[in-house]
Amino acid sequence: MTDTADQGIGAEPTVRAEVADGVGRLTLNRPRALNALDRAMIDELADALTAWRDDPAVRLVTIEGAGGRAFCAGGDVRAVRALVLAGRHAEAEAFFAAEYALNRMIAEYPKPYVALIDGLSMGGGLGVSVHGSHRVVTEHATLAMPETAIGFFPDIGATFFLPRLPGQSGMYLGLTGARLSAGDALHTGLATHFVPRAALAALKAGLARAGTAAIAAHAHPAPESLLAADRPAIDRCFAQASVPAILDALEAEGTPWAHATLATLRAMSPTALVVTFEALRRGARMTLPECLAMELTLTRGVTRHPDFAEGVRAQVVDKTRDPRWTPATVAEVDAADIAALFEGRWPR
């Protein structure tokens, strides 16, 4: 599922894995695709981590993205959509199963796992970073879980970590797909340290000399978080008992932030909003392995729902930004359809 732009004789590998000075270095090397993860990359990351798990020559692992624009823009949903449209559902499910197994491997890894998040990190990019022990962001970092815009839901273990963010910020991020700055990522706990881009080379050299102690030595004070200023309103509006109630609370809030947030939610797949709300509510009471299992079950039905193919078409393939959702409003979403999706099927 690698783009043809990344293939060919003499092409560089899309994942570089090397060991130097006790550090296992992983580099996502698909910059023209913003380092989006295809199945081959997922397998290569898993193979490297498996090989290094018990290797005494590897004291810690780092992961970063090549190209300067993105850490990792997510999973290759264009390729997944193509599989679904071709009726190759088992292959689509195998992609998600492999990705989620990698997410769990990172969360349970016995050695320090240091993500160097410099640039865009969305969806699957969070899956190969936030589950690690150390998440370093630069001033160029932007984090988001934008899945509701493509008729999908926050996966890669997000149903576990989003409900555990402060207040209702996880529900807000999961439903809206709002982008977080470095300061926001630190405020929510998605990131652990701030290191400016100009200091990354020194940090990497320090990791080889001193291990993870180098992170604190090179860390700078956290930048301001604009999300922190909106937290009271986020906590009020997104603590409601349903998606329609959240929309009503935003209407009642009446501020420019509330109006903008309401417009964002109304542009998202209504079905994806309701699925996401329910998944995050359930995930708050589940372990990470349980959440990943729930997510895998959800993919079976959600990828068959017409909103997934339509959302990826509008946002990723054609980039027309004009998805036509089925149904078109949250009020029309059928509770029986949502229940079917959580059972791994799409009934129509």
C-alpha atoms as a PDB file:
ATOM      1  CA  MET A   1       0.000   0.000   0.000  1.00  0.00           C
ATOM      2  CA  THR A   2       2.966   2.302  -0.472  1.00  0.00           C
ATOM      3  CA  ASP A   3       2.473   5.204  -2.902  1.00  0.00           C
ATOM      4  CA  THR A   4       4.285   4.720  -6.197  1.00  0.00           C
ATOM      5  CA  ALA A   5       6.183   7.911  -5.454  1.00  0.00           C
ATOM      6  CA  ASP A   6       7.968   5.997  -2.709  1.00  0.00           C
ATOM      7  CA  GLN A   7       8.798   2.949  -4.787  1.00  0.00           C
ATOM      8  CA  GLY A   8      11.198   2.088  -7.548  1.00  0.00           C
ATOM      9  CA  ILE A   9      14.739   0.912  -8.065  1.00  0.00           C
ATOM     10  CA  GLY A  10      17.114   2.688  -5.744  1.00  0.00           C
ATOM     11  CA  ALA A  11      14.326   4.240  -3.657  1.00  0.00           C
ATOM     12  CA  GLU A  12      15.120   4.791   0.010  1.00  0.00           C
ATOM     13  CA  PRO A  13      13.316   2.573   2.545  1.00  0.00           C
ATOM     14  CA  THR A  14      10.150   4.096   3.963  1.00  0.00           C
ATOM     15  CA  VAL A  15      11.359   3.201   7.456  1.00  0.00           C
ATOM     16  CA  ARG A  16      15.000   3.577   8.434  1.00  0.00           C
ATOM     17  CA  ALA A  17      15.994   1.453  11.443  1.00  0.00           C
ATOM     18  CA  GLU A  18      19.535   1.622  12.783  1.00  0.00           C
ATOM     19  CA  VAL A  19      21.382   1.200  16.052  1.00  0.00           C
ATOM     20  CA  ALA A  20      24.084   3.659  17.079  1.00  0.00           C
ATOM     21  CA  ASP A  21      25.619   4.335  20.484  1.00  0.00           C
ATOM     22  CA  GLY A  22      22.998   2.274  22.302  1.00  0.00           C
ATOM     23  CA  VAL A  23      20.039   3.995  20.617  1.00  0.00           C
ATOM     24  CA  GLY A  24      17.667   2.240  18.251  1.00  0.00           C
ATOM     25  CA  ARG A  25      16.735   4.984  15.819  1.00  0.00           C
ATOM     26  CA  LEU A  26      13.522   4.743  13.801  1.00  0.00           C
ATOM     27  CA  THR A  27      12.865   7.280  11.053  1.00  0.00           C
ATOM     28  CA  LEU A  28       9.602   7.416   9.132  1.00  0.00           C
ATOM     29  CA  ASN A  29      10.891   8.145   5.660  1.00  0.00           C
ATOM     30  CA  ARG A  30       7.974   8.860   3.384  1.00  0.00           C
ATOM     31  CA  PRO A  31       8.116  12.668   3.359  1.00  0.00           C
ATOM     32  CA  ARG A  32       6.144  13.234   0.147  1.00  0.00           C
ATOM     33  CA  ALA A  33       3.225  11.448   1.839  1.00  0.00           C
ATOM     34  CA  LEU A  34       3.906  13.326   5.107  1.00  0.00           C
ATOM     35  CA  ASN A  35       5.223  10.028   6.497  1.00  0.00           C
ATOM     36  CA  ALA A  36       1.744   8.452   6.471  1.00  0.00           C
ATOM     37  CA  LEU A  37       1.860   4.821   7.591  1.00  0.00           C
ATOM     38  CA  ASP A  38       1.197   2.078   5.082  1.00  0.00           C
ATOM     39  CA  ARG A  39       1.131  -1.616   5.962  1.00  0.00           C
ATOM     40  CA  ALA A  40       4.778  -2.176   5.039  1.00  0.00           C
ATOM     41  CA  MET A  41       5.892   0.627   7.378  1.00  0.00           C
ATOM     42  CA  ILE A  42       3.810  -0.755  10.232  1.00  0.00           C
ATOM     43  CA  ASP A  43       5.376  -4.170   9.766  1.00  0.00           C
ATOM     44  CA  GLU A  44       8.892  -2.723   9.592  1.00  0.00           C
ATOM     45  CA  LEU A  45       8.393  -0.746  12.798  1.00  0.00           C
ATOM     46  CA  ALA A  46       7.074  -3.834  14.569  1.00  0.00           C
ATOM     47  CA  ASP A  47       9.963  -5.963  13.296  1.00  0.00           C
ATOM     48  CA  ALA A  48      12.564  -3.453  14.517  1.00  0.00           C
ATOM     49  CA  LEU A  49      10.968  -3.104  17.945  1.00  0.00           C
ATOM     50  CA  THR A  50      10.742  -6.873  18.291  1.00  0.00           C
ATOM     51  CA  ALA A  51      14.411  -7.284  17.374  1.00  0.00           C
ATOM     52  CA  TRP A  52      15.514  -4.569  19.806  1.00  0.00           C
ATOM     53  CA  ARG A  53      13.332  -5.615  22.753  1.00  0.00           C
ATOM     54  CA  ASP A  54      15.903  -8.036  24.192  1.00  0.00           C
ATOM     55  CA  ASP A  55      19.004  -6.694  22.436  1.00  0.00           C
ATOM     56  CA  PRO A  56      21.488  -5.471  25.088  1.00  0.00           C
ATOM     57  CA  ALA A  57      23.033  -3.158  22.495  1.00  0.00           C
ATOM     58  CA  VAL A  58      19.825  -1.083  22.503  1.00  0.00           C
ATOM     59  CA  ARG A  59      19.176   0.932  25.679  1.00  0.00           C
ATOM     60  CA  LEU A  60      16.396   3.117  24.314  1.00  0.00           C
ATOM     61  CA  VAL A  61      14.443   3.767  21.108  1.00  0.00           C
ATOM     62  CA  THR A  62      13.738   7.031  19.300  1.00  0.00           C
ATOM     63  CA  ILE A  63      11.263   7.669  16.493  1.00  0.00           C
ATOM     64  CA  GLU A  64      11.062  10.716  14.247  1.00  0.00           C
ATOM     65  CA  GLY A  65       9.831  11.767  10.806  1.00  0.00           C
ATOM     66  CA  ALA A  66      11.904  12.737   7.787  1.00  0.00           C
ATOM     67  CA  GLY A  67      11.424  15.825   5.677  1.00  0.00           C
ATOM     68  CA  GLY A  68      10.838  18.584   8.217  1.00  0.00           C
ATOM     69  CA  ARG A  69       7.095  18.966   7.547  1.00  0.00           C
ATOM     70  CA  ALA A  70       5.559  16.058   9.407  1.00  0.00           C
ATOM     71  CA  PHE A  71       6.274  13.531  12.093  1.00  0.00           C
ATOM     72  CA  CYS A  72       3.489  11.315  10.725  1.00  0.00           C
ATOM     73  CA  ALA A  73       0.235  12.450   9.116  1.00  0.00           C
ATOM     74  CA  GLY A  74      -1.590   9.240  10.072  1.00  0.00           C
ATOM     75  CA  GLY A  75      -2.511   5.934   8.532  1.00  0.00           C
ATOM     76  CA  ASP A  76      -2.865   5.528   4.774  1.00  0.00           C
ATOM     77  CA  VAL A  77      -6.662   5.874   4.658  1.00  0.00           C
ATOM     78  CA  ARG A  78      -6.591   6.362   0.887  1.00  0.00           C
ATOM     79  CA  ALA A  79      -5.278   2.815   0.540  1.00  0.00           C
ATOM     80  CA  VAL A  80      -7.777   1.467   3.080  1.00  0.00           C
ATOM     81  CA  ARG A  81     -10.633   3.111   1.162  1.00  0.00           C
ATOM     82  CA  ALA A  82      -9.445   1.497  -2.058  1.00  0.00           C
ATOM     83  CA  LEU A  83      -9.460  -1.915  -0.365  1.00  0.00           C
ATOM     84  CA  VAL A  84     -12.957  -1.371   1.001  1.00  0.00           C
ATOM     85  CA  LEU A  85     -14.346  -0.227  -2.358  1.00  0.00           C
ATOM     86  CA  ALA A  86     -12.806  -3.311  -3.968  1.00  0.00           C
ATOM     87  CA  GLY A  87     -14.534  -5.513  -1.406  1.00  0.00           C
ATOM     88  CA  ARG A  88     -11.207  -6.579   0.089  1.00  0.00           C
ATOM     89  CA  HIS A  89     -12.434  -6.164   3.652  1.00  0.00           C
ATOM     90  CA  ALA A  90     -10.143  -8.799   5.151  1.00  0.00           C
ATOM     91  CA  GLU A  91      -7.093  -6.861   3.934  1.00  0.00           C
ATOM     92  CA  ALA A  92      -8.472  -3.615   5.350  1.00  0.00           C
ATOM     93  CA  GLU A  93      -9.042  -5.308   8.701  1.00  0.00           C
ATOM     94  CA  ALA A  94      -5.526  -6.788   8.598  1.00  0.00           C
ATOM     95  CA  PHE A  95      -4.134  -3.253   8.209  1.00  0.00           C
ATOM     96  CA  PHE A  96      -5.919  -2.042  11.328  1.00  0.00           C
ATOM     97  CA  ALA A  97      -5.066  -5.197  13.289  1.00  0.00           C
ATOM     98  CA  ALA A  98      -1.369  -4.758  12.519  1.00  0.00           C
ATOM     99  CA  GLU A  99      -1.464  -1.049  13.389  1.00  0.00           C
ATOM    100  CA  TYR A 100      -3.234  -1.611  16.693  1.00  0.00           C
ATOM    101  CA  ALA A 101      -0.847  -4.432  17.612  1.00  0.00           C
ATOM    102  CA  LEU A 102       2.012  -1.974  17.029  1.00  0.00           C
ATOM    103  CA  ASN A 103       0.308   0.616  19.250  1.00  0.00           C
ATOM    104  CA  ARG A 104       0.034  -1.915  22.057  1.00  0.00           C
ATOM    105  CA  MET A 105       3.639  -3.019  21.578  1.00  0.00           C
ATOM    106  CA  ILE A 106       4.785   0.583  22.008  1.00  0.00           C
ATOM    107  CA  ALA A 107       2.646   1.071  25.132  1.00  0.00           C
ATOM    108  CA  GLU A 108       4.078  -2.094  26.702  1.00  0.00           C
ATOM    109  CA  TYR A 109       7.655  -1.668  25.481  1.00  0.00           C
ATOM    110  CA  PRO A 110      10.161  -2.499  28.224  1.00  0.00           C
ATOM    111  CA  LYS A 111      12.700   0.145  27.167  1.00  0.00           C
ATOM    112  CA  PRO A 112      12.371   3.926  26.964  1.00  0.00           C
ATOM    113  CA  TYR A 113      10.602   4.933  23.759  1.00  0.00           C
ATOM    114  CA  VAL A 114      11.202   8.577  22.822  1.00  0.00           C
ATOM    115  CA  ALA A 115       9.039  10.205  20.137  1.00  0.00           C
ATOM    116  CA  LEU A 116      10.510  13.367  18.608  1.00  0.00           C
ATOM    117  CA  ILE A 117       7.404  15.111  17.264  1.00  0.00           C
ATOM    118  CA  ASP A 118       8.513  17.892  14.922  1.00  0.00           C
ATOM    119  CA  GLY A 119       5.785  18.922  12.493  1.00  0.00           C
ATOM    120  CA  LEU A 120       2.355  17.446  11.809  1.00  0.00           C
ATOM    121  CA  SER A 121       1.222  14.384  13.774  1.00  0.00           C
ATOM    122  CA  MET A 122      -2.305  13.110  13.218  1.00  0.00           C
ATOM    123  CA  GLY A 123      -4.177   9.872  13.773  1.00  0.00           C
ATOM    124  CA  GLY A 124      -1.732   7.021  13.351  1.00  0.00           C
ATOM    125  CA  GLY A 125       1.080   9.464  14.080  1.00  0.00           C
ATOM    126  CA  LEU A 126      -0.228   9.710  17.628  1.00  0.00           C
ATOM    127  CA  GLY A 127      -0.450   5.938  17.715  1.00  0.00           C
ATOM    128  CA  VAL A 128       3.319   5.609  17.236  1.00  0.00           C
ATOM    129  CA  SER A 129       4.127   8.447  19.647  1.00  0.00           C
ATOM    130  CA  VAL A 130       1.734   9.059  22.551  1.00  0.00           C
ATOM    131  CA  HIS A 131       1.846   5.454  23.773  1.00  0.00           C
ATOM    132  CA  GLY A 132       5.593   5.818  24.323  1.00  0.00           C
ATOM    133  CA  SER A 133       7.297   6.750  27.569  1.00  0.00           C
ATOM    134  CA  HIS A 134       8.565  10.167  26.360  1.00  0.00           C
ATOM    135  CA  ARG A 135       6.855  12.499  23.860  1.00  0.00           C
ATOM    136  CA  VAL A 136       8.978  15.484  22.886  1.00  0.00           C
ATOM    137  CA  VAL A 137       7.365  18.288  20.870  1.00  0.00           C
ATOM    138  CA  THR A 138       8.988  21.213  19.077  1.00  0.00           C
ATOM    139  CA  GLU A 139       7.498  24.592  18.273  1.00  0.00           C
ATOM    140  CA  HIS A 140       6.523  23.162  14.871  1.00  0.00           C
ATOM    141  CA  ALA A 141       4.478  20.297  16.324  1.00  0.00           C
ATOM    142  CA  THR A 142       0.774  20.081  15.522  1.00  0.00           C
ATOM    143  CA  LEU A 143      -1.253  17.168  16.902  1.00  0.00           C
ATOM    144  CA  ALA A 144      -4.801  16.142  15.985  1.00  0.00           C
ATOM    145  CA  MET A 145      -7.249  13.262  15.772  1.00  0.00           C
ATOM    146  CA  PRO A 146      -9.343  14.423  12.762  1.00  0.00           C
ATOM    147  CA  GLU A 147     -11.158  11.156  12.017  1.00  0.00           C
ATOM    148  CA  THR A 148     -14.744  12.427  12.293  1.00  0.00           C
ATOM    149  CA  ALA A 149     -14.049  14.562   9.207  1.00  0.00           C
ATOM    150  CA  ILE A 150     -13.585  11.388   7.137  1.00  0.00           C
ATOM    151  CA  GLY A 151     -16.505   9.413   8.557  1.00  0.00           C
ATOM    152  CA  PHE A 152     -14.285   7.421  10.899  1.00  0.00           C
ATOM    153  CA  PHE A 153     -13.537   7.600  14.650  1.00  0.00           C
ATOM    154  CA  PRO A 154     -10.416   8.244  16.789  1.00  0.00           C
ATOM    155  CA  ASP A 155      -8.662   4.886  16.855  1.00  0.00           C
ATOM    156  CA  ILE A 156      -5.039   3.733  17.493  1.00  0.00           C
ATOM    157  CA  GLY A 157      -5.889   3.545  21.197  1.00  0.00           C
ATOM    158  CA  ALA A 158      -7.393   7.031  21.295  1.00  0.00           C
ATOM    159  CA  THR A 159     -10.530   5.627  22.898  1.00  0.00           C
ATOM    160  CA  PHE A 160      -8.206   4.878  25.832  1.00  0.00           C
ATOM    161  CA  PHE A 161      -6.044   8.001  26.037  1.00  0.00           C
ATOM    162  CA  LEU A 162      -8.532  10.717  25.041  1.00  0.00           C
ATOM    163  CA  PRO A 163     -10.960  10.053  27.930  1.00  0.00           C
ATOM    164  CA  ARG A 164      -8.022  10.270  30.327  1.00  0.00           C
ATOM    165  CA  LEU A 165      -7.006  13.804  29.319  1.00  0.00           C
ATOM    166  CA  PRO A 166      -7.880  16.656  31.702  1.00  0.00           C
ATOM    167  CA  GLY A 167     -11.556  17.512  32.039  1.00  0.00           C
ATOM    168  CA  GLN A 168     -13.518  17.133  28.807  1.00  0.00           C
ATOM    169  CA  SER A 169     -10.594  18.010  26.537  1.00  0.00           C
ATOM    170  CA  GLY A 170     -10.447  14.447  25.172  1.00  0.00           C
ATOM    171  CA  MET A 171     -14.103  14.452  24.136  1.00  0.00           C
ATOM    172  CA  TYR A 172     -13.615  17.883  22.567  1.00  0.00           C
ATOM    173  CA  LEU A 173     -10.551  16.764  20.611  1.00  0.00           C
ATOM    174  CA  GLY A 174     -12.123  13.490  19.512  1.00  0.00           C
ATOM    175  CA  LEU A 175     -15.320  15.058  18.208  1.00  0.00           C
ATOM    176  CA  THR A 176     -13.924  18.232  16.635  1.00  0.00           C
ATOM    177  CA  GLY A 177     -10.513  17.064  15.413  1.00  0.00           C
ATOM    178  CA  ALA A 178      -9.101  20.341  16.749  1.00  0.00           C
ATOM    179  CA  ARG A 179      -5.401  20.860  16.166  1.00  0.00           C
ATOM    180  CA  LEU A 180      -3.124  21.204  19.169  1.00  0.00           C
ATOM    181  CA  SER A 181      -0.022  23.338  19.382  1.00  0.00           C
ATOM    182  CA  ALA A 182       3.044  22.242  21.326  1.00  0.00           C
ATOM    183  CA  GLY A 183       1.753  24.157  24.349  1.00  0.00           C
ATOM    184  CA  ASP A 184      -1.651  22.500  24.049  1.00  0.00           C
ATOM    185  CA  ALA A 185      -0.064  19.040  23.759  1.00  0.00           C
ATOM    186  CA  LEU A 186       1.873  19.649  26.956  1.00  0.00           C
ATOM    187  CA  HIS A 187      -1.196  21.069  28.726  1.00  0.00           C
ATOM    188  CA  THR A 188      -3.223  17.939  27.946  1.00  0.00           C
ATOM    189  CA  GLY A 189      -0.394  15.506  28.680  1.00  0.00           C
ATOM    190  CA  LEU A 190      -0.165  14.160  25.138  1.00  0.00           C
ATOM    191  CA  ALA A 191       3.405  15.500  25.181  1.00  0.00           C
ATOM    192  CA  THR A 192       5.853  15.277  28.060  1.00  0.00           C
ATOM    193  CA  HIS A 193       8.624  17.739  27.095  1.00  0.00           C
ATOM    194  CA  PHE A 194       9.242  20.760  24.872  1.00  0.00           C
ATOM    195  CA  VAL A 195      12.522  20.989  22.966  1.00  0.00           C
ATOM    196  CA  PRO A 196      12.934  23.580  20.185  1.00  0.00           C
ATOM    197  CA  ARG A 197      13.763  22.251  16.731  1.00  0.00           C
ATOM    198  CA  ALA A 198      17.162  23.922  16.856  1.00  0.00           C
ATOM    199  CA  ALA A 199      18.062  21.816  19.906  1.00  0.00           C
ATOM    200  CA  LEU A 200      16.964  18.424  18.549  1.00  0.00           C
ATOM    201  CA  ALA A 201      20.399  17.472  17.236  1.00  0.00           C
ATOM    202  CA  ALA A 202      21.945  18.201  20.629  1.00  0.00           C
ATOM    203  CA  LEU A 203      19.168  16.220  22.325  1.00  0.00           C
ATOM    204  CA  LYS A 204      19.791  13.189  20.132  1.00  0.00           C
ATOM    205  CA  ALA A 205      23.500  13.343  20.872  1.00  0.00           C
ATOM    206  CA  GLY A 206      22.672  13.646  24.570  1.00  0.00           C
ATOM    207  CA  LEU A 207      20.399  10.602  24.450  1.00  0.00           C
ATOM    208  CA  ALA A 208      23.318   8.545  23.169  1.00  0.00           C
ATOM    209  CA  ARG A 209      25.562   9.782  25.999  1.00  0.00           C
ATOM    210  CA  ALA A 210      23.216  10.018  28.985  1.00  0.00           C
ATOM    211  CA  GLY A 211      20.000   8.228  28.060  1.00  0.00           C
ATOM    212  CA  THR A 212      16.641   9.763  28.886  1.00  0.00           C
ATOM    213  CA  ALA A 213      18.203  12.108  31.465  1.00  0.00           C
ATOM    214  CA  ALA A 214      19.196  14.200  28.454  1.00  0.00           C
ATOM    215  CA  ILE A 215      15.547  15.039  27.760  1.00  0.00           C
ATOM    216  CA  ALA A 216      15.071  17.058  30.934  1.00  0.00           C
ATOM    217  CA  ALA A 217      18.484  18.651  30.421  1.00  0.00           C
ATOM    218  CA  HIS A 218      17.482  19.927  26.961  1.00  0.00           C
ATOM    219  CA  ALA A 219      13.826  20.722  27.721  1.00  0.00           C
ATOM    220  CA  HIS A 220      12.567  24.311  27.668  1.00  0.00           C
ATOM    221  CA  PRO A 221       9.560  25.813  29.458  1.00  0.00           C
ATOM    222  CA  ALA A 222       6.261  24.907  27.824  1.00  0.00           C
ATOM    223  CA  PRO A 223       4.833  27.435  25.364  1.00  0.00           C
ATOM    224  CA  GLU A 224       1.468  29.016  26.097  1.00  0.00           C
ATOM    225  CA  SER A 225      -1.591  26.815  25.596  1.00  0.00           C
ATOM    226  CA  LEU A 226      -4.593  28.493  23.979  1.00  0.00           C
ATOM    227  CA  LEU A 227      -6.619  25.377  24.732  1.00  0.00           C
ATOM    228  CA  ALA A 228      -6.094  25.996  28.446  1.00  0.00           C
ATOM    229  CA  ALA A 229      -7.955  29.303  28.148  1.00  0.00           C
ATOM    230  CA  ASP A 230     -10.953  27.510  26.591  1.00  0.00           C
ATOM    231  CA  ARG A 231     -10.998  24.693  29.140  1.00  0.00           C
ATOM    232  CA  PRO A 232     -13.864  26.024  31.293  1.00  0.00           C
ATOM    233  CA  ALA A 233     -16.157  26.259  28.261  1.00  0.00           C
ATOM    234  CA  ILE A 234     -14.933  22.911  26.909  1.00  0.00           C
ATOM    235  CA  ASP A 235     -15.641  21.243  30.236  1.00  0.00           C
ATOM    236  CA  ARG A 236     -19.131  22.767  30.410  1.00  0.00           C
ATOM    237  CA  CYS A 237     -20.218  21.970  26.870  1.00  0.00           C
ATOM    238  CA  PHE A 238     -18.603  18.584  26.303  1.00  0.00           C
ATOM    239  CA  ALA A 239     -19.694  17.028  29.609  1.00  0.00           C
ATOM    240  CA  GLN A 240     -23.202  16.541  28.229  1.00  0.00           C
ATOM    241  CA  ALA A 241     -24.882  13.151  27.994  1.00  0.00           C
ATOM    242  CA  SER A 242     -25.209  13.006  24.196  1.00  0.00           C
ATOM    243  CA  VAL A 243     -24.032  14.654  21.001  1.00  0.00           C
ATOM    244  CA  PRO A 244     -27.321  16.568  20.560  1.00  0.00           C
ATOM    245  CA  ALA A 245     -26.938  17.849  24.120  1.00  0.00           C
ATOM    246  CA  ILE A 246     -23.399  19.028  23.328  1.00  0.00           C
ATOM    247  CA  LEU A 247     -24.723  20.912  20.310  1.00  0.00           C
ATOM    248  CA  ASP A 248     -27.435  22.506  22.455  1.00  0.00           C
ATOM    249  CA  ALA A 249     -24.873  23.497  25.108  1.00  0.00           C
ATOM    250  CA  LEU A 250     -22.704  25.165  22.469  1.00  0.00           C
ATOM    251  CA  GLU A 251     -25.742  27.066  21.183  1.00  0.00           C
ATOM    252  CA  ALA A 252     -26.482  28.246  24.709  1.00  0.00           C
ATOM    253  CA  GLU A 253     -22.840  29.204  25.323  1.00  0.00           C
ATOM    254  CA  GLY A 254     -23.167  31.765  22.555  1.00  0.00           C
ATOM    255  CA  THR A 255     -19.514  32.876  22.375  1.00  0.00           C
ATOM    256  CA  PRO A 256     -17.399  33.146  19.213  1.00  0.00           C
ATOM    257  CA  TRP A 257     -15.530  29.998  20.324  1.00  0.00           C
ATOM    258  CA  ALA A 258     -18.826  28.148  20.771  1.00  0.00           C
ATOM    259  CA  HIS A 259     -20.148  29.253  17.380  1.00  0.00           C
ATOM    260  CA  ALA A 260     -16.916  28.170  15.668  1.00  0.00           C
ATOM    261  CA  THR A 261     -16.966  24.828  17.480  1.00  0.00           C
ATOM    262  CA  LEU A 262     -20.597  24.292  16.537  1.00  0.00           C
ATOM    263  CA  ALA A 263     -19.810  24.980  12.877  1.00  0.00           C
ATOM    264  CA  THR A 264     -16.956  22.475  13.041  1.00  0.00           C
ATOM    265  CA  LEU A 265     -19.148  19.744  14.502  1.00  0.00           C
ATOM    266  CA  ARG A 266     -21.880  20.351  11.932  1.00  0.00           C
ATOM    267  CA  ALA A 267     -19.337  19.756   9.166  1.00  0.00           C
ATOM    268  CA  MET A 268     -18.360  16.340  10.534  1.00  0.00           C
ATOM    269  CA  SER A 269     -20.001  12.998   9.767  1.00  0.00           C
ATOM    270  CA  PRO A 270     -23.034  12.803  12.089  1.00  0.00           C
ATOM    271  CA  THR A 271     -22.664   9.038  12.386  1.00  0.00           C
ATOM    272  CA  ALA A 272     -18.962   9.372  13.193  1.00  0.00           C
ATOM    273  CA  LEU A 273     -19.757  11.918  15.907  1.00  0.00           C
ATOM    274  CA  VAL A 274     -22.188   9.572  17.633  1.00  0.00           C
ATOM    275  CA  VAL A 275     -19.852   6.575  17.275  1.00  0.00           C
ATOM    276  CA  THR A 276     -16.958   8.615  18.667  1.00  0.00           C
ATOM    277  CA  PHE A 277     -18.983   9.905  21.607  1.00  0.00           C
ATOM    278  CA  GLU A 278     -20.046   6.387  22.567  1.00  0.00           C
ATOM    279  CA  ALA A 279     -16.561   4.909  22.034  1.00  0.00           C
ATOM    280  CA  LEU A 280     -14.937   7.529  24.268  1.00  0.00           C
ATOM    281  CA  ARG A 281     -17.560   7.035  26.971  1.00  0.00           C
ATOM    282  CA  ARG A 282     -16.937   3.275  26.895  1.00  0.00           C
ATOM    283  CA  GLY A 283     -13.168   3.668  26.661  1.00  0.00           C
ATOM    284  CA  ALA A 284     -13.052   5.625  29.919  1.00  0.00           C
ATOM    285  CA  ARG A 285     -13.891   2.364  31.723  1.00  0.00           C
ATOM    286  CA  MET A 286     -11.676   0.027  29.686  1.00  0.00           C
ATOM    287  CA  THR A 287      -8.015  -0.984  29.510  1.00  0.00           C
ATOM    288  CA  LEU A 288      -5.890  -0.178  26.474  1.00  0.00           C
ATOM    289  CA  PRO A 289      -6.083  -3.773  25.121  1.00  0.00           C
ATOM    290  CA  GLU A 290      -9.859  -3.678  25.550  1.00  0.00           C
ATOM    291  CA  CYS A 291     -10.060  -0.339  23.754  1.00  0.00           C
ATOM    292  CA  LEU A 292      -7.947  -1.596  20.854  1.00  0.00           C
ATOM    293  CA  ALA A 293     -10.185  -4.666  20.561  1.00  0.00           C
ATOM    294  CA  MET A 294     -13.277  -2.437  20.527  1.00  0.00           C
ATOM    295  CA  GLU A 295     -11.707  -0.240  17.873  1.00  0.00           C
ATOM    296  CA  LEU A 296     -10.884  -3.204  15.653  1.00  0.00           C
ATOM    297  CA  THR A 297     -14.482  -4.412  15.900  1.00  0.00           C
ATOM    298  CA  LEU A 298     -15.719  -0.926  15.031  1.00  0.00           C
ATOM    299  CA  THR A 299     -13.565  -0.750  11.894  1.00  0.00           C
ATOM    300  CA  ARG A 300     -15.471  -3.680  10.379  1.00  0.00           C
ATOM    301  CA  GLY A 301     -18.733  -1.790  10.257  1.00  0.00           C
ATOM    302  CA  VAL A 302     -17.525   1.805  10.080  1.00  0.00           C
ATOM    303  CA  THR A 303     -15.421   1.227   6.948  1.00  0.00           C
ATOM    304  CA  ARG A 304     -18.501  -0.301   5.266  1.00  0.00           C
ATOM    305  CA  HIS A 305     -20.663   2.691   6.192  1.00  0.00           C
ATOM    306  CA  PRO A 306     -20.969   5.079   3.213  1.00  0.00           C
ATOM    307  CA  ASP A 307     -19.551   8.000   5.215  1.00  0.00           C
ATOM    308  CA  PHE A 308     -16.061   6.462   5.296  1.00  0.00           C
ATOM    309  CA  ALA A 309     -15.612   6.196   1.527  1.00  0.00           C
ATOM    310  CA  GLU A 310     -17.292   9.570   1.040  1.00  0.00           C
ATOM    311  CA  GLY A 311     -15.280  11.313   3.752  1.00  0.00           C
ATOM    312  CA  VAL A 312     -11.927  10.029   2.500  1.00  0.00           C
ATOM    313  CA  ARG A 313     -12.941  10.982  -1.042  1.00  0.00           C
ATOM    314  CA  ALA A 314     -13.814  14.540  -0.067  1.00  0.00           C
ATOM    315  CA  GLN A 315     -10.913  15.172   2.320  1.00  0.00           C
ATOM    316  CA  VAL A 316      -8.054  13.063   0.940  1.00  0.00           C
ATOM    317  CA  VAL A 317      -8.668  11.807  -2.605  1.00  0.00           C
ATOM    318  CA  ASP A 318     -10.482  14.625  -4.428  1.00  0.00           C
ATOM    319  CA  LYS A 319      -9.851  17.221  -1.695  1.00  0.00           C
ATOM    320  CA  THR A 320     -13.125  18.984  -2.546  1.00  0.00           C
ATOM    321  CA  ARG A 321     -14.009  19.304   1.177  1.00  0.00           C
ATOM    322  CA  ASP A 322     -17.687  18.750   0.315  1.00  0.00           C
ATOM    323  CA  PRO A 323     -18.712  15.417   1.856  1.00  0.00           C
ATOM    324  CA  ARG A 324     -22.357  14.383   1.610  1.00  0.00           C
ATOM    325  CA  TRP A 325     -23.091  12.486   4.793  1.00  0.00           C
ATOM    326  CA  THR A 326     -25.607   9.643   5.253  1.00  0.00           C
ATOM    327  CA  PRO A 327     -27.607  10.652   7.242  1.00  0.00           C
ATOM    328  CA  ALA A 328     -27.020  14.381   6.986  1.00  0.00           C
ATOM    329  CA  THR A 329     -27.735  15.398  10.596  1.00  0.00           C
ATOM    330  CA  VAL A 330     -27.128  14.060  14.087  1.00  0.00           C
ATOM    331  CA  ALA A 331     -30.893  14.045  14.708  1.00  0.00           C
ATOM    332  CA  GLU A 332     -31.320  11.481  11.935  1.00  0.00           C
ATOM    333  CA  VAL A 333     -28.723   9.017  13.256  1.00  0.00           C
ATOM    334  CA  ASP A 334     -30.450   5.743  14.166  1.00  0.00           C
ATOM    335  CA  ALA A 335     -29.480   4.212  17.522  1.00  0.00           C
ATOM    336  CA  ALA A 336     -29.910   0.734  16.018  1.00  0.00           C
ATOM    337  CA  ASP A 337     -27.326   1.562  13.357  1.00  0.00           C
ATOM    338  CA  ILE A 338     -24.849   2.690  16.024  1.00  0.00           C
ATOM    339  CA  ALA A 339     -25.418  -0.514  17.974  1.00  0.00           C
ATOM    340  CA  ALA A 340     -24.738  -2.523  14.816  1.00  0.00           C
ATOM    341  CA  LEU A 341     -21.466  -0.694  14.224  1.00  0.00           C
ATOM    342  CA  PHE A 342     -20.292  -1.570  17.734  1.00  0.00           C
ATOM    343  CA  GLU A 343     -21.049  -5.188  16.859  1.00  0.00           C
ATOM    344  CA  GLY A 344     -18.756  -4.927  13.831  1.00  0.00           C
ATOM    345  CA  ARG A 345     -21.411  -4.778  11.120  1.00  0.00           C
ATOM    346  CA  TRP A 346     -23.209  -2.335   8.919  1.00  0.00           C
ATOM    347  CA  PRO A 347     -26.778  -3.549   8.520  1.00  0.00           C
ATOM    348  CA  ARG A 348     -27.743  -1.909   5.261  1.00  0.00           C
END
